[in-house]
Amino acid sequence: MSGDDRGAATVWAASIVAVLICVAAFTFRIGAAVTARHHTEAAADLAALAAASSAADGPGAACERARQVAARMSVSLLTCRWVRGDALVEVRSELSGHLAAVGQAEARARAGPVDRPP
């Protein structure tokens, strides 16, 4: 044999483990981003429904109800406005801890009053 390849398996194994760790970290990050987006979209939907269900109390009270629902869902209500009787809300979730690197998630939702036919 002309070459000495002792230790080559160790180098290959270490390389494969490093690649697997990188893939796992990337997969975790993507999963965290998708989960945050879904949570934020659900919070926007609930905030818009809360505003629409409180439409009879006036726009100010309805938007306050939307803000309360958003806060309970751990997101910030960015905007709440009314267009032709529909509540339009926009929310943002601030991720903390190990998910902070993923960034922010924003979502918008629209809902009409419950007493208006579709």
PDB file of N, CA and C in Angstrom:
ATOM      1  N   MET A   1       0.822  -1.180   0.000  1.00  0.00           N
ATOM      2  CA  MET A   1       0.000   0.000   0.000  1.00  0.00           C
ATOM      3  C   MET A   1       0.866   1.243   0.000  1.00  0.00           C
ATOM      4  N   SER A   2       0.520   2.164  -0.852  1.00  0.00           N
ATOM      5  CA  SER A   2       1.356   3.343  -0.958  1.00  0.00           C
ATOM      6  C   SER A   2       0.984   4.446   0.025  1.00  0.00           C
ATOM      7  N   GLY A   3      -0.285   4.573   0.404  1.00  0.00           N
ATOM      8  CA  GLY A   3      -0.690   5.666   1.292  1.00  0.00           C
ATOM      9  C   GLY A   3      -1.176   5.164   2.628  1.00  0.00           C
ATOM     10  N   ASP A   4      -1.057   6.005   3.588  1.00  0.00           N
ATOM     11  CA  ASP A   4      -1.536   5.672   4.929  1.00  0.00           C
ATOM     12  C   ASP A   4      -2.852   6.407   5.146  1.00  0.00           C
ATOM     13  N   ASP A   5      -3.955   5.668   5.194  1.00  0.00           N
ATOM     14  CA  ASP A   5      -5.265   6.318   5.334  1.00  0.00           C
ATOM     15  C   ASP A   5      -5.877   6.089   6.713  1.00  0.00           C
ATOM     16  N   ARG A   6      -5.030   5.837   7.698  1.00  0.00           N
ATOM     17  CA  ARG A   6      -5.554   5.681   9.047  1.00  0.00           C
ATOM     18  C   ARG A   6      -6.150   7.006   9.501  1.00  0.00           C
ATOM     19  N   GLY A   7      -7.363   6.957  10.091  1.00  0.00           N
ATOM     20  CA  GLY A   7      -8.046   8.163  10.586  1.00  0.00           C
ATOM     21  C   GLY A   7      -8.988   8.786   9.574  1.00  0.00           C
ATOM     22  N   ALA A   8      -8.992   8.274   8.352  1.00  0.00           N
ATOM     23  CA  ALA A   8      -9.869   8.838   7.322  1.00  0.00           C
ATOM     24  C   ALA A   8     -11.340   8.640   7.679  1.00  0.00           C
ATOM     25  N   ALA A   9     -11.664   7.514   8.280  1.00  0.00           N
ATOM     26  CA  ALA A   9     -13.058   7.267   8.683  1.00  0.00           C
ATOM     27  C   ALA A   9     -13.505   8.250   9.753  1.00  0.00           C
ATOM     28  N   THR A  10     -12.609   8.619  10.621  1.00  0.00           N
ATOM     29  CA  THR A  10     -12.941   9.599  11.663  1.00  0.00           C
ATOM     30  C   THR A  10     -13.242  10.954  11.050  1.00  0.00           C
ATOM     31  N   VAL A  11     -12.463  11.358  10.088  1.00  0.00           N
ATOM     32  CA  VAL A  11     -12.692  12.645   9.408  1.00  0.00           C
ATOM     33  C   VAL A  11     -14.040  12.618   8.685  1.00  0.00           C
ATOM     34  N   TRP A  12     -14.321  11.519   7.972  1.00  0.00           N
ATOM     35  CA  TRP A  12     -15.602  11.403   7.270  1.00  0.00           C
ATOM     36  C   TRP A  12     -16.773  11.410   8.261  1.00  0.00           C
ATOM     37  N   ALA A  13     -16.651  10.676   9.340  1.00  0.00           N
ATOM     38  CA  ALA A  13     -17.729  10.622  10.334  1.00  0.00           C
ATOM     39  C   ALA A  13     -17.959  11.989  10.965  1.00  0.00           C
ATOM     40  N   ALA A  14     -16.880  12.693  11.296  1.00  0.00           N
ATOM     41  CA  ALA A  14     -17.020  14.036  11.882  1.00  0.00           C
ATOM     42  C   ALA A  14     -17.672  14.993  10.891  1.00  0.00           C
ATOM     43  N   SER A  15     -17.332  14.881   9.623  1.00  0.00           N
ATOM     44  CA  SER A  15     -17.933  15.740   8.590  1.00  0.00           C
ATOM     45  C   SER A  15     -19.423  15.464   8.449  1.00  0.00           C
ATOM     46  N   ILE A  16     -19.784  14.199   8.451  1.00  0.00           N
ATOM     47  CA  ILE A  16     -21.198  13.828   8.325  1.00  0.00           C
ATOM     48  C   ILE A  16     -21.992  14.318   9.535  1.00  0.00           C
ATOM     49  N   VAL A  17     -21.431  14.183  10.728  1.00  0.00           N
ATOM     50  CA  VAL A  17     -22.110  14.667  11.935  1.00  0.00           C
ATOM     51  C   VAL A  17     -22.291  16.179  11.868  1.00  0.00           C
ATOM     52  N   ALA A  18     -21.286  16.904  11.416  1.00  0.00           N
ATOM     53  CA  ALA A  18     -21.385  18.363  11.295  1.00  0.00           C
ATOM     54  C   ALA A  18     -22.488  18.755  10.312  1.00  0.00           C
ATOM     55  N   VAL A  19     -22.561  18.064   9.187  1.00  0.00           N
ATOM     56  CA  VAL A  19     -23.614  18.351   8.200  1.00  0.00           C
ATOM     57  C   VAL A  19     -24.991  18.053   8.788  1.00  0.00           C
ATOM     58  N   LEU A  20     -25.135  16.950   9.489  1.00  0.00           N
ATOM     59  CA  LEU A  20     -26.421  16.607  10.100  1.00  0.00           C
ATOM     60  C   LEU A  20     -26.844  17.638  11.149  1.00  0.00           C
ATOM     61  N   ILE A  21     -25.900  18.147  11.913  1.00  0.00           N
ATOM     62  CA  ILE A  21     -26.221  19.179  12.904  1.00  0.00           C
ATOM     63  C   ILE A  21     -26.698  20.452  12.208  1.00  0.00           C
ATOM     64  N   CYS A  22     -26.039  20.835  11.135  1.00  0.00           N
ATOM     65  CA  CYS A  22     -26.454  22.025  10.378  1.00  0.00           C
ATOM     66  C   CYS A  22     -27.851  21.848   9.790  1.00  0.00           C
ATOM     67  N   VAL A  23     -28.127  20.686   9.235  1.00  0.00           N
ATOM     68  CA  VAL A  23     -29.453  20.411   8.673  1.00  0.00           C
ATOM     69  C   VAL A  23     -30.520  20.441   9.759  1.00  0.00           C
ATOM     70  N   ALA A  24     -30.217  19.861  10.905  1.00  0.00           N
ATOM     71  CA  ALA A  24     -31.176  19.869  12.023  1.00  0.00           C
ATOM     72  C   ALA A  24     -31.437  21.288  12.508  1.00  0.00           C
ATOM     73  N   ALA A  25     -30.406  22.115  12.619  1.00  0.00           N
ATOM     74  CA  ALA A  25     -30.584  23.500  13.060  1.00  0.00           C
ATOM     75  C   ALA A  25     -31.416  24.285  12.052  1.00  0.00           C
ATOM     76  N   PHE A  26     -31.146  24.090  10.781  1.00  0.00           N
ATOM     77  CA  PHE A  26     -31.912  24.771   9.737  1.00  0.00           C
ATOM     78  C   PHE A  26     -33.376  24.342   9.770  1.00  0.00           C
ATOM     79  N   THR A  27     -33.622  23.054   9.934  1.00  0.00           N
ATOM     80  CA  THR A  27     -34.987  22.536   9.998  1.00  0.00           C
ATOM     81  C   THR A  27     -35.723  23.100  11.208  1.00  0.00           C
ATOM     82  N   PHE A  28     -35.063  23.175  12.338  1.00  0.00           N
ATOM     83  CA  PHE A  28     -35.668  23.758  13.536  1.00  0.00           C
ATOM     84  C   PHE A  28     -36.038  25.218  13.301  1.00  0.00           C
ATOM     85  N   ARG A  29     -35.147  25.951  12.668  1.00  0.00           N
ATOM     86  CA  ARG A  29     -35.404  27.374  12.412  1.00  0.00           C
ATOM     87  C   ARG A  29     -36.606  27.564  11.479  1.00  0.00           C
ATOM     88  N   ILE A  30     -36.685  26.780  10.444  1.00  0.00           N
ATOM     89  CA  ILE A  30     -37.820  26.859   9.522  1.00  0.00           C
ATOM     90  C   ILE A  30     -39.113  26.485  10.246  1.00  0.00           C
ATOM     91  N   GLY A  31     -39.077  25.439  11.031  1.00  0.00           N
ATOM     92  CA  GLY A  31     -40.259  25.034  11.798  1.00  0.00           C
ATOM     93  C   GLY A  31     -40.705  26.098  12.769  1.00  0.00           C
ATOM     94  N   ALA A  32     -39.764  26.754  13.427  1.00  0.00           N
ATOM     95  CA  ALA A  32     -40.102  27.832  14.362  1.00  0.00           C
ATOM     96  C   ALA A  32     -40.737  29.004  13.634  1.00  0.00           C
ATOM     97  N   ALA A  33     -40.232  29.338  12.468  1.00  0.00           N
ATOM     98  CA  ALA A  33     -40.793  30.445  11.693  1.00  0.00           C
ATOM     99  C   ALA A  33     -42.217  30.131  11.232  1.00  0.00           C
ATOM    100  N   VAL A  34     -42.437  28.920  10.779  1.00  0.00           N
ATOM    101  CA  VAL A  34     -43.772  28.526  10.325  1.00  0.00           C
ATOM    102  C   VAL A  34     -44.753  28.519  11.495  1.00  0.00           C
ATOM    103  N   THR A  35     -44.325  27.999  12.627  1.00  0.00           N
ATOM    104  CA  THR A  35     -45.188  27.990  13.815  1.00  0.00           C
ATOM    105  C   THR A  35     -45.531  29.400  14.254  1.00  0.00           C
ATOM    106  N   ALA A  36     -44.546  30.284  14.260  1.00  0.00           N
ATOM    107  CA  ALA A  36     -44.793  31.680  14.649  1.00  0.00           C
ATOM    108  C   ALA A  36     -45.764  32.353  13.682  1.00  0.00           C
ATOM    109  N   ARG A  37     -45.606  32.073  12.404  1.00  0.00           N
ATOM    110  CA  ARG A  37     -46.507  32.672  11.420  1.00  0.00           C
ATOM    111  C   ARG A  37     -47.935  32.177  11.626  1.00  0.00           C
ATOM    112  N   HIS A  38     -48.110  30.889  11.858  1.00  0.00           N
ATOM    113  CA  HIS A  38     -49.448  30.343  12.069  1.00  0.00           C
ATOM    114  C   HIS A  38     -50.089  30.911  13.332  1.00  0.00           C
ATOM    115  N   HIS A  39     -49.307  31.040  14.388  1.00  0.00           N
ATOM    116  CA  HIS A  39     -49.823  31.613  15.628  1.00  0.00           C
ATOM    117  C   HIS A  39     -50.254  33.069  15.412  1.00  0.00           C
ATOM    118  N   THR A  40     -49.448  33.813  14.688  1.00  0.00           N
ATOM    119  CA  THR A  40     -49.758  35.217  14.430  1.00  0.00           C
ATOM    120  C   THR A  40     -50.999  35.352  13.554  1.00  0.00           C
ATOM    121  N   GLU A  41     -51.148  34.496  12.560  1.00  0.00           N
ATOM    122  CA  GLU A  41     -52.342  34.528  11.710  1.00  0.00           C
ATOM    123  C   GLU A  41     -53.592  34.183  12.509  1.00  0.00           C
ATOM    124  N   ALA A  42     -53.489  33.218  13.398  1.00  0.00           N
ATOM    125  CA  ALA A  42     -54.633  32.858  14.244  1.00  0.00           C
ATOM    126  C   ALA A  42     -54.999  34.013  15.172  1.00  0.00           C
ATOM    127  N   ALA A  43     -53.997  34.688  15.708  1.00  0.00           N
ATOM    128  CA  ALA A  43     -54.256  35.833  16.581  1.00  0.00           C
ATOM    129  C   ALA A  43     -54.934  36.964  15.813  1.00  0.00           C
ATOM    130  N   ALA A  44     -54.518  37.191  14.574  1.00  0.00           N
ATOM    131  CA  ALA A  44     -55.150  38.229  13.754  1.00  0.00           C
ATOM    132  C   ALA A  44     -56.607  37.873  13.475  1.00  0.00           C
ATOM    133  N   ASP A  45     -56.859  36.624  13.149  1.00  0.00           N
ATOM    134  CA  ASP A  45     -58.237  36.180  12.902  1.00  0.00           C
ATOM    135  C   ASP A  45     -59.113  36.383  14.133  1.00  0.00           C
ATOM    136  N   LEU A  46     -58.611  35.970  15.294  1.00  0.00           N
ATOM    137  CA  LEU A  46     -59.394  36.112  16.518  1.00  0.00           C
ATOM    138  C   LEU A  46     -59.620  37.577  16.884  1.00  0.00           C
ATOM    139  N   ALA A  47     -58.617  38.418  16.687  1.00  0.00           N
ATOM    140  CA  ALA A  47     -58.765  39.838  16.987  1.00  0.00           C
ATOM    141  C   ALA A  47     -59.808  40.478  16.067  1.00  0.00           C
ATOM    142  N   ALA A  48     -59.785  40.118  14.790  1.00  0.00           N
ATOM    143  CA  ALA A  48     -60.766  40.666  13.848  1.00  0.00           C
ATOM    144  C   ALA A  48     -62.176  40.194  14.203  1.00  0.00           C
ATOM    145  N   LEU A  49     -62.308  38.924  14.569  1.00  0.00           N
ATOM    146  CA  LEU A  49     -63.626  38.414  14.976  1.00  0.00           C
ATOM    147  C   LEU A  49     -64.115  39.087  16.253  1.00  0.00           C
ATOM    148  N   ALA A  50     -63.196  39.335  17.187  1.00  0.00           N
ATOM    149  CA  ALA A  50     -63.580  40.024  18.418  1.00  0.00           C
ATOM    150  C   ALA A  50     -64.054  41.439  18.124  1.00  0.00           C
ATOM    151  N   ALA A  51     -63.358  42.124  17.228  1.00  0.00           N
ATOM    152  CA  ALA A  51     -63.778  43.485  16.859  1.00  0.00           C
ATOM    153  C   ALA A  51     -65.136  43.459  16.168  1.00  0.00           C
ATOM    154  N   ALA A  52     -65.315  42.519  15.250  1.00  0.00           N
ATOM    155  CA  ALA A  52     -66.580  42.438  14.517  1.00  0.00           C
ATOM    156  C   ALA A  52     -67.739  42.101  15.439  1.00  0.00           C
ATOM    157  N   SER A  53     -67.494  41.245  16.413  1.00  0.00           N
ATOM    158  CA  SER A  53     -68.587  40.871  17.319  1.00  0.00           C
ATOM    159  C   SER A  53     -68.937  42.002  18.283  1.00  0.00           C
ATOM    160  N   SER A  54     -68.037  42.960  18.434  1.00  0.00           N
ATOM    161  CA  SER A  54     -68.294  44.116  19.298  1.00  0.00           C
ATOM    162  C   SER A  54     -68.608  45.370  18.496  1.00  0.00           C
ATOM    163  N   ALA A  55     -68.935  45.222  17.231  1.00  0.00           N
ATOM    164  CA  ALA A  55     -69.176  46.375  16.352  1.00  0.00           C
ATOM    165  C   ALA A  55     -70.319  47.250  16.848  1.00  0.00           C
ATOM    166  N   ALA A  56     -71.319  46.658  17.476  1.00  0.00           N
ATOM    167  CA  ALA A  56     -72.470  47.435  17.960  1.00  0.00           C
ATOM    168  C   ALA A  56     -72.065  48.418  19.057  1.00  0.00           C
ATOM    169  N   ASP A  57     -70.942  48.169  19.726  1.00  0.00           N
ATOM    170  CA  ASP A  57     -70.473  49.064  20.792  1.00  0.00           C
ATOM    171  C   ASP A  57     -69.705  50.256  20.257  1.00  0.00           C
ATOM    172  N   GLY A  58     -69.490  50.318  18.965  1.00  0.00           N
ATOM    173  CA  GLY A  58     -68.752  51.414  18.353  1.00  0.00           C
ATOM    174  C   GLY A  58     -67.335  50.990  17.992  1.00  0.00           C
ATOM    175  N   PRO A  59     -66.729  51.713  17.050  1.00  0.00           N
ATOM    176  CA  PRO A  59     -65.394  51.343  16.576  1.00  0.00           C
ATOM    177  C   PRO A  59     -64.329  51.368  17.669  1.00  0.00           C
ATOM    178  N   GLY A  60     -64.382  52.348  18.547  1.00  0.00           N
ATOM    179  CA  GLY A  60     -63.381  52.437  19.608  1.00  0.00           C
ATOM    180  C   GLY A  60     -63.427  51.247  20.547  1.00  0.00           C
ATOM    181  N   ALA A  61     -64.617  50.894  20.999  1.00  0.00           N
ATOM    182  CA  ALA A  61     -64.774  49.752  21.906  1.00  0.00           C
ATOM    183  C   ALA A  61     -64.437  48.443  21.195  1.00  0.00           C
ATOM    184  N   ALA A  62     -64.807  48.352  19.931  1.00  0.00           N
ATOM    185  CA  ALA A  62     -64.520  47.130  19.167  1.00  0.00           C
ATOM    186  C   ALA A  62     -63.013  46.951  18.987  1.00  0.00           C
ATOM    187  N   CYS A  63     -62.312  48.027  18.692  1.00  0.00           N
ATOM    188  CA  CYS A  63     -60.858  47.932  18.536  1.00  0.00           C
ATOM    189  C   CYS A  63     -60.176  47.661  19.879  1.00  0.00           C
ATOM    190  N   GLU A  64     -60.740  48.163  20.950  1.00  0.00           N
ATOM    191  CA  GLU A  64     -60.197  47.854  22.273  1.00  0.00           C
ATOM    192  C   GLU A  64     -60.355  46.360  22.573  1.00  0.00           C
ATOM    193  N   ARG A  65     -61.483  45.804  22.189  1.00  0.00           N
ATOM    194  CA  ARG A  65     -61.699  44.359  22.372  1.00  0.00           C
ATOM    195  C   ARG A  65     -60.699  43.573  21.529  1.00  0.00           C
ATOM    196  N   ALA A  66     -60.432  44.032  20.314  1.00  0.00           N
ATOM    197  CA  ALA A  66     -59.438  43.376  19.466  1.00  0.00           C
ATOM    198  C   ALA A  66     -58.052  43.456  20.098  1.00  0.00           C
ATOM    199  N   ARG A  67     -57.722  44.588  20.703  1.00  0.00           N
ATOM    200  CA  ARG A  67     -56.435  44.750  21.368  1.00  0.00           C
ATOM    201  C   ARG A  67     -56.302  43.780  22.540  1.00  0.00           C
ATOM    202  N   GLN A  68     -57.385  43.621  23.305  1.00  0.00           N
ATOM    203  CA  GLN A  68     -57.369  42.700  24.436  1.00  0.00           C
ATOM    204  C   GLN A  68     -57.137  41.255  23.976  1.00  0.00           C
ATOM    205  N   VAL A  69     -57.834  40.873  22.924  1.00  0.00           N
ATOM    206  CA  VAL A  69     -57.663  39.507  22.395  1.00  0.00           C
ATOM    207  C   VAL A  69     -56.240  39.318  21.883  1.00  0.00           C
ATOM    208  N   ALA A  70     -55.713  40.311  21.177  1.00  0.00           N
ATOM    209  CA  ALA A  70     -54.341  40.211  20.669  1.00  0.00           C
ATOM    210  C   ALA A  70     -53.353  40.080  21.823  1.00  0.00           C
ATOM    211  N   ALA A  71     -53.551  40.850  22.874  1.00  0.00           N
ATOM    212  CA  ALA A  71     -52.647  40.775  24.030  1.00  0.00           C
ATOM    213  C   ALA A  71     -52.709  39.399  24.680  1.00  0.00           C
ATOM    214  N   ARG A  72     -53.897  38.834  24.768  1.00  0.00           N
ATOM    215  CA  ARG A  72     -54.029  37.483  25.350  1.00  0.00           C
ATOM    216  C   ARG A  72     -53.347  36.428  24.491  1.00  0.00           C
ATOM    217  N   MET A  73     -53.238  36.700  23.202  1.00  0.00           N
ATOM    218  CA  MET A  73     -52.555  35.782  22.282  1.00  0.00           C
ATOM    219  C   MET A  73     -51.061  36.101  22.167  1.00  0.00           C
ATOM    220  N   SER A  74     -50.582  37.037  22.987  1.00  0.00           N
ATOM    221  CA  SER A  74     -49.159  37.426  23.032  1.00  0.00           C
ATOM    222  C   SER A  74     -48.668  38.042  21.730  1.00  0.00           C
ATOM    223  N   VAL A  75     -49.521  38.855  21.107  1.00  0.00           N
ATOM    224  CA  VAL A  75     -49.121  39.622  19.926  1.00  0.00           C
ATOM    225  C   VAL A  75     -49.509  41.079  20.153  1.00  0.00           C
ATOM    226  N   SER A  76     -48.946  41.954  19.346  1.00  0.00           N
ATOM    227  CA  SER A  76     -49.254  43.384  19.431  1.00  0.00           C
ATOM    228  C   SER A  76     -50.230  43.759  18.321  1.00  0.00           C
ATOM    229  N   LEU A  77     -51.241  44.508  18.673  1.00  0.00           N
ATOM    230  CA  LEU A  77     -52.179  45.015  17.672  1.00  0.00           C
ATOM    231  C   LEU A  77     -51.559  46.258  17.051  1.00  0.00           C
ATOM    232  N   LEU A  78     -51.245  46.202  15.772  1.00  0.00           N
ATOM    233  CA  LEU A  78     -50.630  47.338  15.085  1.00  0.00           C
ATOM    234  C   LEU A  78     -51.682  48.320  14.607  1.00  0.00           C
ATOM    235  N   THR A  79     -52.709  47.807  13.926  1.00  0.00           N
ATOM    236  CA  THR A  79     -53.772  48.672  13.430  1.00  0.00           C
ATOM    237  C   THR A  79     -55.116  47.990  13.610  1.00  0.00           C
ATOM    238  N   CYS A  80     -56.114  48.815  13.774  1.00  0.00           N
ATOM    239  CA  CYS A  80     -57.500  48.361  13.805  1.00  0.00           C
ATOM    240  C   CYS A  80     -58.308  49.468  13.162  1.00  0.00           C
ATOM    241  N   ARG A  81     -58.926  49.172  12.049  1.00  0.00           N
ATOM    242  CA  ARG A  81     -59.732  50.185  11.362  1.00  0.00           C
ATOM    243  C   ARG A  81     -60.966  49.537  10.768  1.00  0.00           C
ATOM    244  N   TRP A  82     -61.868  50.388  10.338  1.00  0.00           N
ATOM    245  CA  TRP A  82     -63.143  49.917   9.808  1.00  0.00           C
ATOM    246  C   TRP A  82     -63.297  50.386   8.374  1.00  0.00           C
ATOM    247  N   VAL A  83     -63.681  49.463   7.499  1.00  0.00           N
ATOM    248  CA  VAL A  83     -63.937  49.771   6.092  1.00  0.00           C
ATOM    249  C   VAL A  83     -65.266  49.138   5.719  1.00  0.00           C
ATOM    250  N   ARG A  84     -66.234  49.960   5.401  1.00  0.00           N
ATOM    251  CA  ARG A  84     -67.569  49.495   5.003  1.00  0.00           C
ATOM    252  C   ARG A  84     -68.147  48.475   5.977  1.00  0.00           C
ATOM    253  N   GLY A  85     -67.991  48.731   7.258  1.00  0.00           N
ATOM    254  CA  GLY A  85     -68.557  47.849   8.269  1.00  0.00           C
ATOM    255  C   GLY A  85     -67.726  46.643   8.631  1.00  0.00           C
ATOM    256  N   ASP A  86     -66.563  46.482   8.005  1.00  0.00           N
ATOM    257  CA  ASP A  86     -65.679  45.362   8.305  1.00  0.00           C
ATOM    258  C   ASP A  86     -64.507  45.840   9.158  1.00  0.00           C
ATOM    259  N   ALA A  87     -64.145  45.021  10.121  1.00  0.00           N
ATOM    260  CA  ALA A  87     -62.973  45.307  10.946  1.00  0.00           C
ATOM    261  C   ALA A  87     -61.735  44.768  10.243  1.00  0.00           C
ATOM    262  N   LEU A  88     -60.737  45.615  10.092  1.00  0.00           N
ATOM    263  CA  LEU A  88     -59.454  45.218   9.510  1.00  0.00           C
ATOM    264  C   LEU A  88     -58.396  45.384  10.596  1.00  0.00           C
ATOM    265  N   VAL A  89     -57.737  44.301  10.944  1.00  0.00           N
ATOM    266  CA  VAL A  89     -56.712  44.358  11.984  1.00  0.00           C
ATOM    267  C   VAL A  89     -55.385  43.850  11.441  1.00  0.00           C
ATOM    268  N   GLU A  90     -54.327  44.353  12.033  1.00  0.00           N
ATOM    269  CA  GLU A  90     -52.979  43.899  11.710  1.00  0.00           C
ATOM    270  C   GLU A  90     -52.247  43.691  13.035  1.00  0.00           C
ATOM    271  N   VAL A  91     -51.604  42.550  13.173  1.00  0.00           N
ATOM    272  CA  VAL A  91     -50.899  42.215  14.410  1.00  0.00           C
ATOM    273  C   VAL A  91     -49.465  41.808  14.107  1.00  0.00           C
ATOM    274  N   ARG A  92     -48.628  41.870  15.146  1.00  0.00           N
ATOM    275  CA  ARG A  92     -47.228  41.457  15.025  1.00  0.00           C
ATOM    276  C   ARG A  92     -46.849  40.678  16.275  1.00  0.00           C
ATOM    277  N   SER A  93     -46.144  39.587  16.066  1.00  0.00           N
ATOM    278  CA  SER A  93     -45.622  38.838  17.210  1.00  0.00           C
ATOM    279  C   SER A  93     -44.122  39.077  17.290  1.00  0.00           C
ATOM    280  N   GLU A  94     -43.680  39.374  18.482  1.00  0.00           N
ATOM    281  CA  GLU A  94     -42.255  39.543  18.745  1.00  0.00           C
ATOM    282  C   GLU A  94     -41.762  38.241  19.361  1.00  0.00           C
ATOM    283  N   LEU A  95     -40.876  37.572  18.699  1.00  0.00           N
ATOM    284  CA  LEU A  95     -40.368  36.306  19.198  1.00  0.00           C
ATOM    285  C   LEU A  95     -39.234  36.561  20.171  1.00  0.00           C
ATOM    286  N   SER A  96     -39.193  35.769  21.218  1.00  0.00           N
ATOM    287  CA  SER A  96     -38.152  35.953  22.227  1.00  0.00           C
ATOM    288  C   SER A  96     -37.417  34.645  22.458  1.00  0.00           C
ATOM    289  N   GLY A  97     -36.393  34.716  23.257  1.00  0.00           N
ATOM    290  CA  GLY A  97     -35.627  33.520  23.581  1.00  0.00           C
ATOM    291  C   GLY A  97     -34.884  32.984  22.368  1.00  0.00           C
ATOM    292  N   HIS A  98     -34.853  31.661  22.232  1.00  0.00           N
ATOM    293  CA  HIS A  98     -34.114  31.046  21.137  1.00  0.00           C
ATOM    294  C   HIS A  98     -34.795  31.238  19.789  1.00  0.00           C
ATOM    295  N   LEU A  99     -36.054  31.717  19.800  1.00  0.00           N
ATOM    296  CA  LEU A  99     -36.751  31.976  18.538  1.00  0.00           C
ATOM    297  C   LEU A  99     -36.548  33.411  18.051  1.00  0.00           C
ATOM    298  N   ALA A 100     -35.866  34.250  18.832  1.00  0.00           N
ATOM    299  CA  ALA A 100     -35.685  35.648  18.452  1.00  0.00           C
ATOM    300  C   ALA A 100     -34.946  35.789  17.127  1.00  0.00           C
ATOM    301  N   ALA A 101     -34.082  34.854  16.818  1.00  0.00           N
ATOM    302  CA  ALA A 101     -33.325  34.926  15.573  1.00  0.00           C
ATOM    303  C   ALA A 101     -34.227  34.765  14.351  1.00  0.00           C
ATOM    304  N   VAL A 102     -35.400  34.184  14.537  1.00  0.00           N
ATOM    305  CA  VAL A 102     -36.333  34.005  13.424  1.00  0.00           C
ATOM    306  C   VAL A 102     -36.894  35.353  12.994  1.00  0.00           C
ATOM    307  N   GLY A 103     -37.062  36.271  13.938  1.00  0.00           N
ATOM    308  CA  GLY A 103     -37.551  37.609  13.620  1.00  0.00           C
ATOM    309  C   GLY A 103     -38.978  37.824  14.068  1.00  0.00           C
ATOM    310  N   GLN A 104     -39.696  38.628  13.311  1.00  0.00           N
ATOM    311  CA  GLN A 104     -41.072  38.971  13.639  1.00  0.00           C
ATOM    312  C   GLN A 104     -42.010  38.327  12.632  1.00  0.00           C
ATOM    313  N   ALA A 105     -43.235  38.131  13.091  1.00  0.00           N
ATOM    314  CA  ALA A 105     -44.274  37.641  12.180  1.00  0.00           C
ATOM    315  C   ALA A 105     -45.416  38.641  12.222  1.00  0.00           C
ATOM    316  N   GLU A 106     -45.929  39.007  11.074  1.00  0.00           N
ATOM    317  CA  GLU A 106     -47.061  39.920  10.980  1.00  0.00           C
ATOM    318  C   GLU A 106     -48.185  39.255  10.208  1.00  0.00           C
ATOM    319  N   ALA A 107     -49.416  39.626  10.563  1.00  0.00           N
ATOM    320  CA  ALA A 107     -50.577  39.073   9.864  1.00  0.00           C
ATOM    321  C   ALA A 107     -51.698  40.095   9.859  1.00  0.00           C
ATOM    322  N   ARG A 108     -52.558  39.973   8.860  1.00  0.00           N
ATOM    323  CA  ARG A 108     -53.740  40.836   8.738  1.00  0.00           C
ATOM    324  C   ARG A 108     -54.972  39.948   8.643  1.00  0.00           C
ATOM    325  N   ALA A 109     -56.094  40.488   9.138  1.00  0.00           N
ATOM    326  CA  ALA A 109     -57.353  39.749   9.033  1.00  0.00           C
ATOM    327  C   ALA A 109     -58.491  40.745   8.880  1.00  0.00           C
ATOM    328  N   ARG A 110     -59.579  40.252   8.335  1.00  0.00           N
ATOM    329  CA  ARG A 110     -60.772  41.074   8.101  1.00  0.00           C
ATOM    330  C   ARG A 110     -61.987  40.274   8.540  1.00  0.00           C
ATOM    331  N   ALA A 111     -62.905  40.940   9.235  1.00  0.00           N
ATOM    332  CA  ALA A 111     -64.136  40.282   9.666  1.00  0.00           C
ATOM    333  C   ALA A 111     -65.245  41.323   9.712  1.00  0.00           C
ATOM    334  N   GLY A 112     -66.447  40.885   9.353  1.00  0.00           N
ATOM    335  CA  GLY A 112     -67.614  41.768   9.399  1.00  0.00           C
ATOM    336  C   GLY A 112     -68.436  41.517  10.641  1.00  0.00           C
ATOM    337  N   PRO A 113     -69.387  42.387  10.917  1.00  0.00           N
ATOM    338  CA  PRO A 113     -70.227  42.205  12.097  1.00  0.00           C
ATOM    339  C   PRO A 113     -71.034  40.906  11.999  1.00  0.00           C
ATOM    340  N   VAL A 114     -71.332  40.341  13.153  1.00  0.00           N
ATOM    341  CA  VAL A 114     -72.010  39.049  13.159  1.00  0.00           C
ATOM    342  C   VAL A 114     -73.478  39.151  12.732  1.00  0.00           C
ATOM    343  N   ASP A 115     -74.073  40.306  12.830  1.00  0.00           N
ATOM    344  CA  ASP A 115     -75.490  40.427  12.481  1.00  0.00           C
ATOM    345  C   ASP A 115     -75.708  40.737  11.006  1.00  0.00           C
ATOM    346  N   ARG A 116     -74.670  40.907  10.217  1.00  0.00           N
ATOM    347  CA  ARG A 116     -74.795  41.193   8.791  1.00  0.00           C
ATOM    348  C   ARG A 116     -74.714  39.890   8.005  1.00  0.00           C
ATOM    349  N   PRO A 117     -75.659  39.638   7.123  1.00  0.00           N
ATOM    350  CA  PRO A 117     -75.605  38.401   6.327  1.00  0.00           C
ATOM    351  C   PRO A 117     -74.423  38.421   5.367  1.00  0.00           C
ATOM    352  N   PRO A 118     -73.903  37.241   5.027  1.00  0.00           N
ATOM    353  CA  PRO A 118     -72.744  37.179   4.115  1.00  0.00           C
ATOM    354  C   PRO A 118     -73.063  37.625   2.710  1.00  0.00           C
TER     355      PRO A 118
END
